[in-house]
Amino acid sequence: MSTGKVLLALLAGAAAGALAGVLLAPHKGIITRKKIVRNSGAFADGVKEKINDFLDDIAEKFESTKEDVSEFAEQKMQKNGEAKKQAKAT
């Protein structure tokens, strides 16, 4: 399963849990809203942290892939140059 799908599932689960919590809350609406406001900052920070980690992971994978492609292209160019030298020599 890809990281993007896991992150999406995590966010959907958190949203569903928050909705269920509000609908099934044992307190009056004003108390529940105050609790939501207090806890929303921590939840938002957690989501931001997960998104930043996800983006950092993608950036690292991109850089790694870019380096691999550069090395592969360089090797192919060297082999191509060697093949041209051999062709000229014959």
Protein backbone atom coordinates (compact mmCIF):
# COMPACT_ATOMS: atom_id res chain seq x y z
CA MET A 1 0.00 0.00 0.00
CA SER A 2 1.41 3.38 -0.92
CA THR A 3 2.17 6.06 1.63
CA GLY A 4 -0.38 8.39 0.02
CA LYS A 5 -3.17 5.87 0.51
CA VAL A 6 -2.16 5.31 4.12
CA LEU A 7 -2.16 9.05 4.79
CA LEU A 8 -5.57 9.45 3.13
CA ALA A 9 -6.98 6.56 5.17
CA LEU A 10 -5.55 8.08 8.34
CA LEU A 11 -7.16 11.45 7.64
CA ALA A 12 -10.50 9.87 6.71
CA GLY A 13 -10.46 7.78 9.89
CA ALA A 14 -9.65 10.80 12.02
CA ALA A 15 -12.46 12.80 10.42
CA ALA A 16 -14.94 9.95 10.90
CA GLY A 17 -13.86 9.57 14.52
CA ALA A 18 -14.25 13.28 15.17
CA LEU A 19 -17.71 13.29 13.61
CA ALA A 20 -18.78 10.26 15.65
CA GLY A 21 -17.40 11.89 18.78
CA VAL A 22 -19.40 15.05 18.20
CA LEU A 23 -22.60 13.18 17.41
CA LEU A 24 -22.31 10.84 20.38
CA ALA A 25 -20.91 13.37 22.86
CA PRO A 26 -22.37 13.10 26.37
CA HIS A 27 -21.96 16.84 27.00
CA LYS A 28 -23.96 19.85 25.91
CA GLY A 29 -23.08 21.44 22.58
CA ILE A 30 -21.23 24.43 24.01
CA ILE A 31 -18.97 22.21 26.12
CA THR A 32 -18.31 19.92 23.18
CA ARG A 33 -17.45 22.87 20.92
CA LYS A 34 -15.00 24.19 23.52
CA LYS A 35 -13.31 20.78 23.69
CA ILE A 36 -13.11 20.65 19.90
CA VAL A 37 -11.50 24.09 19.77
CA ARG A 38 -8.96 23.09 22.43
CA ASN A 39 -8.07 19.82 20.73
CA SER A 40 -8.16 21.03 17.13
CA GLY A 41 -4.80 22.77 17.44
CA ALA A 42 -3.08 19.56 18.49
CA PHE A 43 -4.85 17.61 15.74
CA ALA A 44 -3.89 20.19 13.11
CA ASP A 45 -0.27 20.11 14.28
CA GLY A 46 -0.27 16.32 14.07
CA VAL A 47 -1.67 16.39 10.53
CA LYS A 48 0.86 19.03 9.46
CA GLU A 49 3.68 16.92 10.89
CA LYS A 50 2.46 13.81 9.04
CA ILE A 51 2.17 15.75 5.77
CA ASN A 52 5.65 17.24 6.20
CA ASP A 53 7.09 13.78 6.91
CA PHE A 54 5.32 12.45 3.81
CA LEU A 55 6.67 15.28 1.64
CA ASP A 56 10.19 14.80 3.02
CA ASP A 57 9.97 11.09 2.23
CA ILE A 58 8.87 11.83 -1.34
CA ALA A 59 11.68 14.38 -1.77
CA GLU A 60 14.25 11.85 -0.55
CA LYS A 61 12.92 9.18 -2.91
CA PHE A 62 12.95 11.65 -5.79
CA GLU A 63 16.57 12.62 -5.13
CA SER A 64 17.58 8.98 -4.83
CA THR A 65 15.84 8.12 -8.10
CA LYS A 66 17.39 11.13 -9.80
CA GLU A 67 20.87 10.03 -8.72
CA ASP A 68 20.20 6.47 -9.89
CA VAL A 69 19.04 7.69 -13.29
CA SER A 70 22.08 9.97 -13.62
CA GLU A 71 24.45 7.12 -12.77
CA PHE A 72 22.68 4.79 -15.20
CA ALA A 73 22.83 7.38 -18.00
CA GLU A 74 26.51 8.04 -17.30
CA GLN A 75 27.30 4.31 -17.46
CA LYS A 76 25.41 3.96 -20.74
CA MET A 77 27.23 6.95 -22.22
CA GLN A 78 30.58 5.44 -21.22
CA LYS A 79 29.66 2.09 -22.77
CA ASN A 80 28.47 3.88 -25.90
CA GLY A 81 31.76 5.77 -26.11
CA GLU A 82 33.71 2.53 -25.69
CA ALA A 83 31.62 0.87 -28.41
CA LYS A 84 32.32 3.77 -30.79
CA LYS A 85 36.09 3.48 -30.09
CA GLN A 86 35.98 -0.25 -30.82
CA ALA A 87 34.00 0.35 -34.01
CA LYS A 88 36.57 2.90 -35.20
CA ALA A 89 39.44 0.57 -34.36
CA THR A 90 38.04 -2.21 -36.54
